Amino acid sequence: MASPTKSYVPHSFFLIALLLGPSSLATAADFSSSVCTGMLDPSCCFQVIKTIPGGGQAPSLESLCGTAISFSLSKGNQIHKYVQSLAASANNPKLKQVYSTCVQNYEDFIGNLQSAQGMLKSKDYNGVSTMASSSMTDWPNLALTSGGTTA
């Protein structure tokens, strides 16, 4: 089974983890251009911004981070529900255990996103960065249990 999150969640948190920091939240007329030109791969940065609905029109990095978190949270919740349904319908005990582990990983991932969302609202940018990093740390577990990698 291919990982349905592969094209959404890591791209969104790639942006947050690399770009969000207390000193990087200055608003600029064309902030995406100024941010992306400082990246190792500016074209990848621009592509990531384009994959987030409304990302290219975000007026500030803070706004883009909020949009990326909301988008990732929405996709994470959709996939979580899907994996829950797979776990509930699995007849093979080993497969059921794999799906159950995946469900738990998504619950952790969603919890991190919700924390990041609250921290962004309270302007705790270091906390948002920490939660983004934590979510990215969870990502290999999500990819493995979702079938995103092969052994």
N, C-alpha and C. Protein backbone atom coordinates (compact mmCIF):
# COMPACT_ATOMS: atom_id res chain seq x y z
N MET A 1 0.85 -1.17 0.00
CA MET A 1 0.00 0.00 0.00
C MET A 1 0.89 1.23 0.00
N ALA A 2 0.72 2.11 -0.92
CA ALA A 2 1.49 3.35 -1.00
C ALA A 2 1.03 4.30 0.10
N SER A 3 1.97 5.08 0.60
CA SER A 3 1.66 6.01 1.67
C SER A 3 0.93 7.23 1.12
N PRO A 4 -0.34 7.45 1.51
CA PRO A 4 -1.07 8.60 1.00
C PRO A 4 -0.57 9.92 1.57
N THR A 5 0.22 9.89 2.61
CA THR A 5 0.72 11.14 3.20
C THR A 5 2.00 11.61 2.55
N LYS A 6 2.61 10.78 1.76
CA LYS A 6 3.94 11.07 1.26
C LYS A 6 4.05 12.43 0.59
N SER A 7 3.03 12.87 -0.13
CA SER A 7 3.14 14.13 -0.85
C SER A 7 2.63 15.33 -0.07
N TYR A 8 2.10 15.17 1.11
CA TYR A 8 1.52 16.29 1.83
C TYR A 8 2.26 16.62 3.12
N VAL A 9 2.23 15.73 4.06
CA VAL A 9 2.70 16.04 5.40
C VAL A 9 4.17 16.39 5.46
N PRO A 10 5.09 15.59 4.90
CA PRO A 10 6.49 15.97 5.06
C PRO A 10 6.83 17.26 4.36
N HIS A 11 6.19 17.56 3.24
CA HIS A 11 6.46 18.82 2.56
C HIS A 11 6.05 20.00 3.43
N SER A 12 4.90 19.90 4.06
CA SER A 12 4.43 20.99 4.91
C SER A 12 5.38 21.22 6.07
N PHE A 13 5.80 20.14 6.72
CA PHE A 13 6.66 20.31 7.87
C PHE A 13 8.10 20.55 7.50
N PHE A 14 8.47 20.21 6.29
CA PHE A 14 9.77 20.62 5.76
C PHE A 14 9.86 22.14 5.82
N LEU A 15 8.81 22.80 5.38
CA LEU A 15 8.75 24.26 5.41
C LEU A 15 8.83 24.79 6.83
N ILE A 16 7.99 24.27 7.69
CA ILE A 16 7.93 24.78 9.06
C ILE A 16 9.26 24.58 9.77
N ALA A 17 9.80 23.39 9.69
CA ALA A 17 11.03 23.09 10.42
C ALA A 17 12.21 23.91 9.91
N LEU A 18 12.29 24.11 8.61
CA LEU A 18 13.42 24.84 8.06
C LEU A 18 13.27 26.35 8.14
N LEU A 19 12.05 26.83 8.12
CA LEU A 19 11.85 28.27 8.00
C LEU A 19 11.43 28.97 9.28
N LEU A 20 10.80 28.27 10.18
CA LEU A 20 10.23 28.94 11.33
C LEU A 20 11.24 29.07 12.46
N GLY A 21 11.47 30.25 12.86
CA GLY A 21 12.34 30.56 13.98
C GLY A 21 12.00 31.96 14.44
N PRO A 22 12.34 32.32 15.65
CA PRO A 22 11.94 33.63 16.16
C PRO A 22 12.40 34.79 15.30
N SER A 23 13.56 34.67 14.66
CA SER A 23 14.05 35.81 13.88
C SER A 23 13.60 35.77 12.43
N SER A 24 12.92 34.71 12.00
CA SER A 24 12.57 34.58 10.59
C SER A 24 11.13 34.96 10.28
N LEU A 25 10.45 35.60 11.22
CA LEU A 25 9.04 35.88 11.02
C LEU A 25 8.76 37.28 10.51
N ALA A 26 9.76 37.95 10.00
CA ALA A 26 9.54 39.29 9.46
C ALA A 26 8.69 39.20 8.20
N THR A 27 7.75 40.12 8.08
CA THR A 27 6.89 40.16 6.90
C THR A 27 7.62 40.91 5.80
N ALA A 28 7.62 40.36 4.60
CA ALA A 28 8.22 41.02 3.44
C ALA A 28 7.22 40.95 2.31
N ALA A 29 7.35 41.87 1.35
CA ALA A 29 6.42 41.90 0.22
C ALA A 29 6.44 40.59 -0.53
N ASP A 30 7.60 40.03 -0.75
CA ASP A 30 7.69 38.75 -1.43
C ASP A 30 8.53 37.82 -0.56
N PHE A 31 7.96 37.44 0.59
CA PHE A 31 8.73 36.67 1.54
C PHE A 31 9.13 35.31 0.99
N SER A 32 8.27 34.69 0.15
CA SER A 32 8.62 33.36 -0.35
C SER A 32 9.88 33.42 -1.21
N SER A 33 10.02 34.49 -1.96
CA SER A 33 11.22 34.65 -2.77
C SER A 33 12.44 34.85 -1.88
N SER A 34 12.32 35.70 -0.87
CA SER A 34 13.46 35.96 -0.01
C SER A 34 13.82 34.74 0.82
N VAL A 35 12.83 33.96 1.23
CA VAL A 35 13.10 32.76 2.02
C VAL A 35 13.71 31.67 1.14
N CYS A 36 13.11 31.43 0.00
CA CYS A 36 13.55 30.33 -0.86
C CYS A 36 14.92 30.55 -1.47
N THR A 37 15.30 31.79 -1.73
CA THR A 37 16.62 32.02 -2.31
C THR A 37 17.73 31.66 -1.34
N GLY A 38 17.45 31.60 -0.05
CA GLY A 38 18.46 31.21 0.92
C GLY A 38 18.55 29.71 1.16
N MET A 39 17.71 28.93 0.51
CA MET A 39 17.69 27.48 0.69
C MET A 39 18.73 26.80 -0.20
N LEU A 40 19.10 25.58 0.18
CA LEU A 40 20.03 24.81 -0.64
C LEU A 40 19.43 24.52 -2.02
N ASP A 41 18.11 24.30 -2.05
CA ASP A 41 17.42 24.02 -3.31
C ASP A 41 16.21 24.93 -3.42
N PRO A 42 16.41 26.17 -3.91
CA PRO A 42 15.30 27.13 -3.97
C PRO A 42 14.11 26.64 -4.78
N SER A 43 14.34 25.89 -5.85
CA SER A 43 13.21 25.42 -6.66
C SER A 43 12.36 24.43 -5.86
N CYS A 44 12.98 23.62 -5.03
CA CYS A 44 12.23 22.70 -4.17
C CYS A 44 11.39 23.50 -3.17
N CYS A 45 11.97 24.54 -2.60
CA CYS A 45 11.26 25.39 -1.65
C CYS A 45 10.02 25.99 -2.30
N PHE A 46 10.16 26.53 -3.50
CA PHE A 46 9.01 27.10 -4.22
C PHE A 46 7.96 26.04 -4.50
N GLN A 47 8.40 24.83 -4.88
CA GLN A 47 7.45 23.75 -5.16
C GLN A 47 6.68 23.35 -3.90
N VAL A 48 7.38 23.31 -2.77
CA VAL A 48 6.71 22.96 -1.51
C VAL A 48 5.64 23.99 -1.18
N ILE A 49 5.98 25.25 -1.32
CA ILE A 49 5.00 26.31 -1.03
C ILE A 49 3.79 26.17 -1.94
N LYS A 50 4.02 25.81 -3.21
CA LYS A 50 2.91 25.65 -4.15
C LYS A 50 2.00 24.47 -3.81
N THR A 51 2.54 23.43 -3.14
CA THR A 51 1.72 22.25 -2.82
C THR A 51 0.74 22.51 -1.68
N ILE A 52 0.96 23.56 -0.93
CA ILE A 52 0.08 23.88 0.20
C ILE A 52 -1.00 24.83 -0.30
N PRO A 53 -2.27 24.40 -0.25
CA PRO A 53 -3.35 25.29 -0.72
C PRO A 53 -3.29 26.65 -0.02
N GLY A 54 -3.19 27.69 -0.79
CA GLY A 54 -3.09 29.04 -0.25
C GLY A 54 -1.69 29.43 0.16
N GLY A 55 -0.75 28.51 0.08
CA GLY A 55 0.62 28.78 0.51
C GLY A 55 1.30 29.88 -0.27
N GLY A 56 1.09 29.92 -1.57
CA GLY A 56 1.71 30.93 -2.41
C GLY A 56 1.16 32.33 -2.17
N GLN A 57 -0.04 32.42 -1.58
CA GLN A 57 -0.65 33.72 -1.33
C GLN A 57 -0.49 34.16 0.13
N ALA A 58 0.18 33.37 0.93
CA ALA A 58 0.35 33.72 2.35
C ALA A 58 1.13 35.03 2.45
N PRO A 59 0.63 35.97 3.26
CA PRO A 59 1.29 37.28 3.35
C PRO A 59 2.53 37.28 4.25
N SER A 60 2.73 36.23 5.01
CA SER A 60 3.88 36.18 5.91
C SER A 60 4.24 34.72 6.18
N LEU A 61 5.41 34.53 6.72
CA LEU A 61 5.85 33.18 7.08
C LEU A 61 4.96 32.60 8.17
N GLU A 62 4.54 33.43 9.10
CA GLU A 62 3.64 32.98 10.16
C GLU A 62 2.32 32.47 9.57
N SER A 63 1.80 33.19 8.62
CA SER A 63 0.57 32.79 7.95
C SER A 63 0.77 31.48 7.17
N LEU A 64 1.90 31.37 6.49
CA LEU A 64 2.20 30.15 5.74
C LEU A 64 2.31 28.96 6.69
N CYS A 65 2.96 29.16 7.82
CA CYS A 65 3.08 28.07 8.80
C CYS A 65 1.71 27.64 9.30
N GLY A 66 0.85 28.60 9.57
CA GLY A 66 -0.51 28.28 10.02
C GLY A 66 -1.26 27.49 8.96
N THR A 67 -1.11 27.90 7.70
CA THR A 67 -1.76 27.20 6.59
C THR A 67 -1.19 25.79 6.45
N ALA A 68 0.12 25.65 6.56
CA ALA A 68 0.76 24.33 6.44
C ALA A 68 0.33 23.41 7.57
N ILE A 69 0.25 23.94 8.79
CA ILE A 69 -0.18 23.12 9.93
C ILE A 69 -1.62 22.67 9.74
N SER A 70 -2.49 23.60 9.37
CA SER A 70 -3.90 23.24 9.16
C SER A 70 -4.06 22.19 8.07
N PHE A 71 -3.35 22.37 6.97
CA PHE A 71 -3.42 21.43 5.86
C PHE A 71 -2.91 20.05 6.28
N SER A 72 -1.77 20.03 6.97
CA SER A 72 -1.20 18.76 7.43
C SER A 72 -2.11 18.08 8.45
N LEU A 73 -2.70 18.86 9.32
CA LEU A 73 -3.63 18.32 10.31
C LEU A 73 -4.85 17.70 9.63
N SER A 74 -5.38 18.38 8.63
CA SER A 74 -6.52 17.85 7.89
C SER A 74 -6.17 16.53 7.21
N LYS A 75 -5.04 16.49 6.52
CA LYS A 75 -4.61 15.26 5.84
C LYS A 75 -4.30 14.17 6.86
N GLY A 76 -3.64 14.52 7.95
CA GLY A 76 -3.33 13.54 8.99
C GLY A 76 -4.59 12.92 9.58
N ASN A 77 -5.62 13.74 9.83
CA ASN A 77 -6.89 13.22 10.35
C ASN A 77 -7.58 12.30 9.35
N GLN A 78 -7.55 12.67 8.07
CA GLN A 78 -8.16 11.81 7.04
C GLN A 78 -7.48 10.45 6.99
N ILE A 79 -6.17 10.46 7.00
CA ILE A 79 -5.42 9.21 6.90
C ILE A 79 -5.59 8.39 8.19
N HIS A 80 -5.62 9.06 9.33
CA HIS A 80 -5.83 8.39 10.61
C HIS A 80 -7.14 7.61 10.58
N LYS A 81 -8.21 8.25 10.12
CA LYS A 81 -9.51 7.57 10.03
C LYS A 81 -9.45 6.38 9.09
N TYR A 82 -8.76 6.54 7.98
CA TYR A 82 -8.62 5.45 7.02
C TYR A 82 -7.88 4.26 7.64
N VAL A 83 -6.77 4.54 8.31
CA VAL A 83 -6.00 3.46 8.93
C VAL A 83 -6.79 2.81 10.07
N GLN A 84 -7.57 3.60 10.80
CA GLN A 84 -8.45 3.02 11.83
C GLN A 84 -9.41 2.02 11.20
N SER A 85 -9.97 2.37 10.04
CA SER A 85 -10.91 1.45 9.38
C SER A 85 -10.18 0.19 8.91
N LEU A 86 -8.94 0.32 8.46
CA LEU A 86 -8.16 -0.85 8.06
C LEU A 86 -7.89 -1.75 9.27
N ALA A 87 -7.54 -1.14 10.40
CA ALA A 87 -7.28 -1.91 11.62
C ALA A 87 -8.54 -2.64 12.08
N ALA A 88 -9.67 -1.98 11.99
CA ALA A 88 -10.92 -2.58 12.44
C ALA A 88 -11.34 -3.75 11.56
N SER A 89 -11.01 -3.71 10.28
CA SER A 89 -11.46 -4.76 9.37
C SER A 89 -10.42 -5.85 9.12
N ALA A 90 -9.21 -5.70 9.65
CA ALA A 90 -8.15 -6.68 9.42
C ALA A 90 -8.46 -7.99 10.15
N ASN A 91 -8.31 -9.09 9.43
CA ASN A 91 -8.52 -10.43 10.01
C ASN A 91 -7.22 -11.08 10.43
N ASN A 92 -6.15 -10.73 9.78
CA ASN A 92 -4.83 -11.27 10.08
C ASN A 92 -4.28 -10.56 11.32
N PRO A 93 -3.95 -11.31 12.40
CA PRO A 93 -3.47 -10.67 13.64
C PRO A 93 -2.21 -9.82 13.46
N LYS A 94 -1.28 -10.27 12.62
CA LYS A 94 -0.06 -9.48 12.40
C LYS A 94 -0.38 -8.18 11.68
N LEU A 95 -1.24 -8.27 10.68
CA LEU A 95 -1.65 -7.07 9.95
C LEU A 95 -2.41 -6.13 10.86
N LYS A 96 -3.28 -6.68 11.70
CA LYS A 96 -4.04 -5.87 12.65
C LYS A 96 -3.08 -5.11 13.58
N GLN A 97 -2.00 -5.78 14.02
CA GLN A 97 -1.03 -5.14 14.90
C GLN A 97 -0.29 -4.01 14.18
N VAL A 98 0.06 -4.24 12.91
CA VAL A 98 0.74 -3.20 12.14
C VAL A 98 -0.18 -1.98 12.00
N TYR A 99 -1.44 -2.21 11.65
CA TYR A 99 -2.38 -1.10 11.52
C TYR A 99 -2.60 -0.39 12.86
N SER A 100 -2.65 -1.16 13.94
CA SER A 100 -2.83 -0.55 15.26
C SER A 100 -1.64 0.34 15.62
N THR A 101 -0.46 -0.11 15.27
CA THR A 101 0.74 0.71 15.52
C THR A 101 0.68 1.97 14.67
N CYS A 102 0.23 1.84 13.44
CA CYS A 102 0.10 3.00 12.56
C CYS A 102 -0.92 3.99 13.12
N VAL A 103 -2.03 3.47 13.63
CA VAL A 103 -3.05 4.33 14.25
C VAL A 103 -2.43 5.13 15.39
N GLN A 104 -1.64 4.45 16.24
CA GLN A 104 -1.00 5.14 17.37
C GLN A 104 -0.01 6.19 16.88
N ASN A 105 0.75 5.86 15.84
CA ASN A 105 1.70 6.83 15.30
C ASN A 105 0.98 8.07 14.77
N TYR A 106 -0.14 7.87 14.11
CA TYR A 106 -0.90 9.02 13.61
C TYR A 106 -1.50 9.82 14.77
N GLU A 107 -1.90 9.16 15.82
CA GLU A 107 -2.42 9.90 16.99
C GLU A 107 -1.33 10.78 17.57
N ASP A 108 -0.11 10.26 17.66
CA ASP A 108 1.01 11.07 18.15
C ASP A 108 1.29 12.24 17.20
N PHE A 109 1.30 11.93 15.92
CA PHE A 109 1.55 12.94 14.90
C PHE A 109 0.51 14.06 14.96
N ILE A 110 -0.76 13.69 15.05
CA ILE A 110 -1.85 14.67 15.12
C ILE A 110 -1.75 15.49 16.41
N GLY A 111 -1.39 14.84 17.50
CA GLY A 111 -1.19 15.57 18.76
C GLY A 111 -0.11 16.63 18.64
N ASN A 112 0.98 16.28 17.95
CA ASN A 112 2.05 17.25 17.73
C ASN A 112 1.57 18.42 16.88
N LEU A 113 0.78 18.11 15.85
CA LEU A 113 0.24 19.18 15.00
C LEU A 113 -0.69 20.10 15.78
N GLN A 114 -1.53 19.51 16.61
CA GLN A 114 -2.45 20.32 17.41
C GLN A 114 -1.67 21.21 18.39
N SER A 115 -0.63 20.66 18.97
CA SER A 115 0.22 21.47 19.86
C SER A 115 0.88 22.60 19.10
N ALA A 116 1.40 22.30 17.90
CA ALA A 116 2.04 23.33 17.09
C ALA A 116 1.04 24.43 16.72
N GLN A 117 -0.19 24.04 16.42
CA GLN A 117 -1.22 25.01 16.07
C GLN A 117 -1.49 25.95 17.25
N GLY A 118 -1.61 25.41 18.44
CA GLY A 118 -1.83 26.23 19.62
C GLY A 118 -0.65 27.14 19.92
N MET A 119 0.55 26.61 19.75
CA MET A 119 1.75 27.41 20.00
C MET A 119 1.89 28.55 18.99
N LEU A 120 1.50 28.29 17.75
CA LEU A 120 1.56 29.35 16.75
C LEU A 120 0.59 30.47 17.11
N LYS A 121 -0.60 30.10 17.57
CA LYS A 121 -1.59 31.11 17.98
C LYS A 121 -1.08 31.95 19.14
N SER A 122 -0.33 31.33 20.05
CA SER A 122 0.19 32.08 21.20
C SER A 122 1.57 32.69 20.91
N LYS A 123 2.00 32.58 19.65
CA LYS A 123 3.26 33.14 19.19
C LYS A 123 4.48 32.54 19.87
N ASP A 124 4.38 31.27 20.25
CA ASP A 124 5.50 30.52 20.79
C ASP A 124 6.20 29.85 19.61
N TYR A 125 7.00 30.62 18.89
CA TYR A 125 7.61 30.13 17.66
C TYR A 125 8.65 29.04 17.90
N ASN A 126 9.37 29.14 19.01
CA ASN A 126 10.31 28.06 19.33
C ASN A 126 9.55 26.76 19.58
N GLY A 127 8.42 26.86 20.25
CA GLY A 127 7.59 25.68 20.49
C GLY A 127 7.06 25.08 19.20
N VAL A 128 6.66 25.94 18.26
CA VAL A 128 6.18 25.47 16.96
C VAL A 128 7.31 24.72 16.25
N SER A 129 8.49 25.28 16.28
CA SER A 129 9.64 24.65 15.65
C SER A 129 9.93 23.29 16.29
N THR A 130 9.83 23.23 17.61
CA THR A 130 10.06 21.97 18.32
C THR A 130 9.01 20.93 17.92
N MET A 131 7.75 21.34 17.87
CA MET A 131 6.68 20.40 17.49
C MET A 131 6.82 19.96 16.04
N ALA A 132 7.25 20.87 15.17
CA ALA A 132 7.47 20.51 13.77
C ALA A 132 8.59 19.48 13.67
N SER A 133 9.66 19.71 14.41
CA SER A 133 10.76 18.75 14.41
C SER A 133 10.31 17.40 14.96
N SER A 134 9.51 17.44 16.00
CA SER A 134 9.00 16.21 16.59
C SER A 134 8.11 15.47 15.59
N SER A 135 7.29 16.21 14.87
CA SER A 135 6.43 15.60 13.85
C SER A 135 7.27 14.97 12.74
N MET A 136 8.33 15.64 12.37
CA MET A 136 9.19 15.09 11.33
C MET A 136 9.93 13.86 11.85
N THR A 137 10.22 13.82 13.14
CA THR A 137 10.84 12.65 13.73
C THR A 137 9.88 11.48 13.69
N ASP A 138 8.58 11.75 13.88
CA ASP A 138 7.56 10.71 13.80
C ASP A 138 7.36 10.22 12.37
N TRP A 139 7.71 11.04 11.39
CA TRP A 139 7.42 10.72 9.99
C TRP A 139 7.96 9.36 9.55
N PRO A 140 9.23 8.97 9.89
CA PRO A 140 9.68 7.64 9.44
C PRO A 140 8.77 6.52 9.97
N ASN A 141 8.28 6.65 11.18
CA ASN A 141 7.37 5.64 11.72
C ASN A 141 6.08 5.58 10.92
N LEU A 142 5.56 6.75 10.53
CA LEU A 142 4.33 6.78 9.74
C LEU A 142 4.56 6.16 8.38
N ALA A 143 5.69 6.48 7.75
CA ALA A 143 5.98 5.93 6.42
C ALA A 143 6.16 4.42 6.49
N LEU A 144 6.85 3.94 7.52
CA LEU A 144 7.07 2.49 7.64
C LEU A 144 5.77 1.74 7.88
N THR A 145 4.94 2.24 8.78
CA THR A 145 3.71 1.52 9.08
C THR A 145 2.64 1.74 8.03
N SER A 146 2.80 2.78 7.20
CA SER A 146 1.83 3.02 6.13
C SER A 146 2.24 2.33 4.83
N GLY A 147 3.40 1.72 4.82
CA GLY A 147 3.86 1.09 3.60
C GLY A 147 4.62 2.05 2.70
N GLY A 148 5.07 3.18 3.27
CA GLY A 148 5.77 4.18 2.47
C GLY A 148 7.17 3.78 2.11
N THR A 149 7.72 2.77 2.78
CA THR A 149 9.04 2.27 2.43
C THR A 149 8.96 0.76 2.32
N THR A 150 9.92 0.20 1.67
CA THR A 150 9.94 -1.25 1.55
C THR A 150 11.14 -1.80 2.28
N ALA A 151 10.99 -2.97 2.81
CA ALA A 151 12.09 -3.60 3.55
C ALA A 151 12.92 -4.44 2.63
